[in-house]
C-alpha atoms as a PDB file:
ATOM      1  CA  UNK A   1     119.100  -2.031-193.866  1.00  0.00           C
ATOM      2  CA  UNK A   2     117.381  -2.595-197.209  1.00  0.00           C
ATOM      3  CA  UNK A   3     114.590  -4.396-195.350  1.00  0.00           C
ATOM      4  CA  UNK A   4     114.007  -1.165-193.428  1.00  0.00           C
ATOM      5  CA  UNK A   5     113.609   0.822-196.641  1.00  0.00           C
ATOM      6  CA  UNK A   6     117.120   2.265-196.561  1.00  0.00           C
ATOM      7  CA  UNK A   7     119.034   3.109-199.694  1.00  0.00           C
ATOM      8  CA  UNK A   8     122.294   3.350-197.787  1.00  0.00           C
ATOM      9  CA  UNK A   9     123.568   2.643-194.298  1.00  0.00           C
ATOM     10  CA  UNK A  10     126.340   4.534-192.539  1.00  0.00           C
ATOM     11  CA  UNK A  11     128.234   3.236-189.528  1.00  0.00           C
ATOM     12  CA  UNK A  12     127.973   5.766-186.713  1.00  0.00           C
ATOM     13  CA  UNK A  13     130.619   6.174-184.063  1.00  0.00           C
ATOM     14  CA  UNK A  14     128.428   8.640-182.196  1.00  0.00           C
ATOM     15  CA  UNK A  15     125.109   6.870-181.760  1.00  0.00           C
ATOM     16  CA  UNK A  16     124.230   4.464-178.938  1.00  0.00           C
ATOM     17  CA  UNK A  17     126.414   1.365-179.244  1.00  0.00           C
ATOM     18  CA  UNK A  18     129.092   3.130-181.277  1.00  0.00           C
ATOM     19  CA  UNK A  19     132.436   4.441-180.091  1.00  0.00           C
ATOM     20  CA  UNK A  20     135.540   6.125-181.437  1.00  0.00           C
ATOM     21  CA  UNK A  21     139.084   6.139-180.147  1.00  0.00           C
ATOM     22  CA  UNK A  22     140.016   9.480-181.672  1.00  0.00           C
ATOM     23  CA  UNK A  23     141.519  12.611-180.198  1.00  0.00           C
ATOM     24  CA  UNK A  24     139.157  15.291-178.942  1.00  0.00           C
ATOM     25  CA  UNK A  25     139.690  17.878-181.689  1.00  0.00           C
ATOM     26  CA  UNK A  26     138.975  15.293-184.404  1.00  0.00           C
ATOM     27  CA  UNK A  27     135.764  14.306-182.610  1.00  0.00           C
ATOM     28  CA  UNK A  28     134.747  17.961-182.323  1.00  0.00           C
ATOM     29  CA  UNK A  29     135.424  18.582-186.023  1.00  0.00           C
ATOM     30  CA  UNK A  30     133.547  15.436-187.102  1.00  0.00           C
ATOM     31  CA  UNK A  31     130.572  16.237-184.888  1.00  0.00           C
ATOM     32  CA  UNK A  32     130.606  19.855-186.060  1.00  0.00           C
ATOM     33  CA  UNK A  33     130.472  18.864-189.714  1.00  0.00           C
ATOM     34  CA  UNK A  34     127.701  16.355-189.060  1.00  0.00           C
ATOM     35  CA  UNK A  35     125.777  18.977-187.070  1.00  0.00           C
ATOM     36  CA  UNK A  36     125.932  21.366-190.045  1.00  0.00           C
ATOM     37  CA  UNK A  37     124.608  18.627-192.331  1.00  0.00           C
ATOM     38  CA  UNK A  38     121.827  17.752-189.904  1.00  0.00           C
ATOM     39  CA  UNK A  39     120.790  21.362-189.265  1.00  0.00           C
ATOM     40  CA  UNK A  40     120.994  22.860-192.757  1.00  0.00           C
ATOM     41  CA  UNK A  41     120.496  19.846-195.025  1.00  0.00           C
ATOM     42  CA  UNK A  42     118.165  17.699-192.925  1.00  0.00           C
ATOM     43  CA  UNK A  43     120.467  14.665-192.843  1.00  0.00           C
ATOM     44  CA  UNK A  44     119.253  12.259-190.168  1.00  0.00           C
ATOM     45  CA  UNK A  45     122.436  10.277-189.453  1.00  0.00           C
ATOM     46  CA  UNK A  46     124.885  11.115-186.637  1.00  0.00           C
ATOM     47  CA  UNK A  47     128.224  10.495-188.382  1.00  0.00           C
ATOM     48  CA  UNK A  48     128.366  11.775-191.956  1.00  0.00           C
ATOM     49  CA  UNK A  49     132.192  11.626-192.087  1.00  0.00           C
ATOM     50  CA  UNK A  50     132.598   7.929-191.250  1.00  0.00           C
ATOM     51  CA  UNK A  51     133.703   5.820-194.189  1.00  0.00           C
ATOM     52  CA  UNK A  52     132.066   2.629-192.866  1.00  0.00           C
ATOM     53  CA  UNK A  53     129.038   2.451-195.160  1.00  0.00           C
ATOM     54  CA  UNK A  54     127.056   0.432-197.659  1.00  0.00           C
ATOM     55  CA  UNK A  55     124.770   1.655-200.424  1.00  0.00           C
ATOM     56  CA  UNK A  56     122.545  -0.057-202.937  1.00  0.00           C
ATOM     57  CA  UNK A  57     124.175  -0.286-206.368  1.00  0.00           C
ATOM     58  CA  UNK A  58     121.468   1.943-207.869  1.00  0.00           C
ATOM     59  CA  UNK A  59     122.491   4.738-205.506  1.00  0.00           C
ATOM     60  CA  UNK A  60     126.172   4.236-206.186  1.00  0.00           C
ATOM     61  CA  UNK A  61     125.618   4.345-209.941  1.00  0.00           C
ATOM     62  CA  UNK A  62     123.504   7.517-209.746  1.00  0.00           C
ATOM     63  CA  UNK A  63     125.938   9.725-207.812  1.00  0.00           C
ATOM     64  CA  UNK A  64     128.676  11.691-209.593  1.00  0.00           C
ATOM     65  CA  UNK A  65     131.655  11.767-207.235  1.00  0.00           C
ATOM     66  CA  UNK A  66     134.159  14.581-207.615  1.00  0.00           C
ATOM     67  CA  UNK A  67     136.380  13.836-204.601  1.00  0.00           C
ATOM     68  CA  UNK A  68     139.460  11.711-204.986  1.00  0.00           C
ATOM     69  CA  UNK A  69     140.360  11.836-201.311  1.00  0.00           C
ATOM     70  CA  UNK A  70     138.732  11.455-197.891  1.00  0.00           C
ATOM     71  CA  UNK A  71     136.050  13.910-199.023  1.00  0.00           C
ATOM     72  CA  UNK A  72     134.325  11.040-200.812  1.00  0.00           C
ATOM     73  CA  UNK A  73     132.619   9.969-197.570  1.00  0.00           C
ATOM     74  CA  UNK A  74     130.631  13.129-196.836  1.00  0.00           C
ATOM     75  CA  UNK A  75     130.270  14.023-200.528  1.00  0.00           C
ATOM     76  CA  UNK A  76     128.624  10.715-201.403  1.00  0.00           C
ATOM     77  CA  UNK A  77     126.305  10.763-198.389  1.00  0.00           C
ATOM     78  CA  UNK A  78     125.232  14.389-198.904  1.00  0.00           C
ATOM     79  CA  UNK A  79     124.602  13.905-202.620  1.00  0.00           C
ATOM     80  CA  UNK A  80     122.605  10.736-201.923  1.00  0.00           C
ATOM     81  CA  UNK A  81     120.550  12.584-199.316  1.00  0.00           C
ATOM     82  CA  UNK A  82     119.974  15.582-201.607  1.00  0.00           C
ATOM     83  CA  UNK A  83     118.844  13.205-204.364  1.00  0.00           C
ATOM     84  CA  UNK A  84     116.133  11.814-202.101  1.00  0.00           C
ATOM     85  CA  UNK A  85     117.764   8.552-201.070  1.00  0.00           C
ATOM     86  CA  UNK A  86     117.034   7.367-197.540  1.00  0.00           C
ATOM     87  CA  UNK A  87     120.100   7.056-195.317  1.00  0.00           C
ATOM     88  CA  UNK A  88     120.076   4.902-192.208  1.00  0.00           C
ATOM     89  CA  UNK A  89     122.722   4.161-189.635  1.00  0.00           C
ATOM     90  CA  UNK A  90     124.048   1.386-187.470  1.00  0.00           C
ATOM     91  CA  UNK A  91     126.456   1.695-184.573  1.00  0.00           C
ATOM     92  CA  UNK A  92     130.143   1.322-185.424  1.00  0.00           C
ATOM     93  CA  UNK A  93     133.246   0.975-183.307  1.00  0.00           C
ATOM     94  CA  UNK A  94     136.336   2.801-184.534  1.00  0.00           C
ATOM     95  CA  UNK A  95     139.694   1.956-182.997  1.00  0.00           C
ATOM     96  CA  UNK A  96     142.778   4.132-183.275  1.00  0.00           C
ATOM     97  CA  UNK A  97     145.495   3.139-185.735  1.00  0.00           C
ATOM     98  CA  UNK A  98     147.972   0.592-184.327  1.00  0.00           C
ATOM     99  CA  UNK A  99     150.580   0.699-187.113  1.00  0.00           C
ATOM    100  CA  UNK A 100     151.494   3.038-189.915  1.00  0.00           C
ATOM    101  CA  UNK A 101     150.920   6.734-190.386  1.00  0.00           C
ATOM    102  CA  UNK A 102     147.542   8.353-190.931  1.00  0.00           C
ATOM    103  CA  UNK A 103     147.203  10.211-194.217  1.00  0.00           C
ATOM    104  CA  UNK A 104     144.227  12.314-193.118  1.00  0.00           C
ATOM    105  CA  UNK A 105     145.263  15.957-192.679  1.00  0.00           C
ATOM    106  CA  UNK A 106     142.696  17.730-190.557  1.00  0.00           C
ATOM    107  CA  UNK A 107     143.181  21.331-191.717  1.00  0.00           C
ATOM    108  CA  UNK A 108     143.257  20.466-195.430  1.00  0.00           C
ATOM    109  CA  UNK A 109     140.313  18.088-195.162  1.00  0.00           C
ATOM    110  CA  UNK A 110     138.392  20.486-192.936  1.00  0.00           C
ATOM    111  CA  UNK A 111     138.498  23.060-195.723  1.00  0.00           C
ATOM    112  CA  UNK A 112     137.558  20.354-198.240  1.00  0.00           C
ATOM    113  CA  UNK A 113     134.629  19.131-196.119  1.00  0.00           C
ATOM    114  CA  UNK A 114     133.346  22.689-195.733  1.00  0.00           C
ATOM    115  CA  UNK A 115     133.532  23.162-199.519  1.00  0.00           C
ATOM    116  CA  UNK A 116     131.550  19.915-199.976  1.00  0.00           C
ATOM    117  CA  UNK A 117     128.973  21.135-197.456  1.00  0.00           C
ATOM    118  CA  UNK A 118     128.575  24.483-199.272  1.00  0.00           C
ATOM    119  CA  UNK A 119     128.071  22.713-202.622  1.00  0.00           C
ATOM    120  CA  UNK A 120     125.460  20.417-201.061  1.00  0.00           C
ATOM    121  CA  UNK A 121     123.689  23.411-199.504  1.00  0.00           C
ATOM    122  CA  UNK A 122     123.691  25.270-202.836  1.00  0.00           C
ATOM    123  CA  UNK A 123     122.319  22.168-204.541  1.00  0.00           C
ATOM    124  CA  UNK A 124     119.529  21.883-201.974  1.00  0.00           C
ATOM    125  CA  UNK A 125     118.630  25.568-202.298  1.00  0.00           C
ATOM    126  CA  UNK A 126     118.607  25.480-206.114  1.00  0.00           C
ATOM    127  CA  UNK A 127     116.257  22.460-206.078  1.00  0.00           C
ATOM    128  CA  UNK A 128     113.715  24.410-204.005  1.00  0.00           C
ATOM    129  CA  UNK A 129     113.556  27.276-206.509  1.00  0.00           C
END
C-alpha cells in the first residue's frame, strides 16, 4: 500500500473480493456508519469499522487515541483521514467466531461510534473555519 502512496490500509469486508459472515443487523450498522463517514467526512474506504488495518508508524505516532475499546478502529481511521493522511483499502474476508463469546455490544458501541463520528465531524468543520 505504501507503494501506492497510502499512509494506511484498511481491510474491507464490503468491497469486491471481501466478505463477512456476520448477521444482517451488524452489517447494516457497519455499512450505515461507514456511509456517514463517506458522505459527511469524505472518507473513501468502504469499511471504516473493520479492525484489519496497517498504518505507517508516522501516522500511528501522530494520532491521539481516546478510545480504549472497539471504538479505536473508526476513531483512528477518522482522525487519520481528518489529518490529511491517505487511506486505502484491500479486500478482507471475515469469518464468524467459532469459539468463545464476542465482547462487542452493538447498542453500546453504536452510541460510541456515533459519538466518535460527531467529534470527527466537528473537527472537520472547525478546520474549515
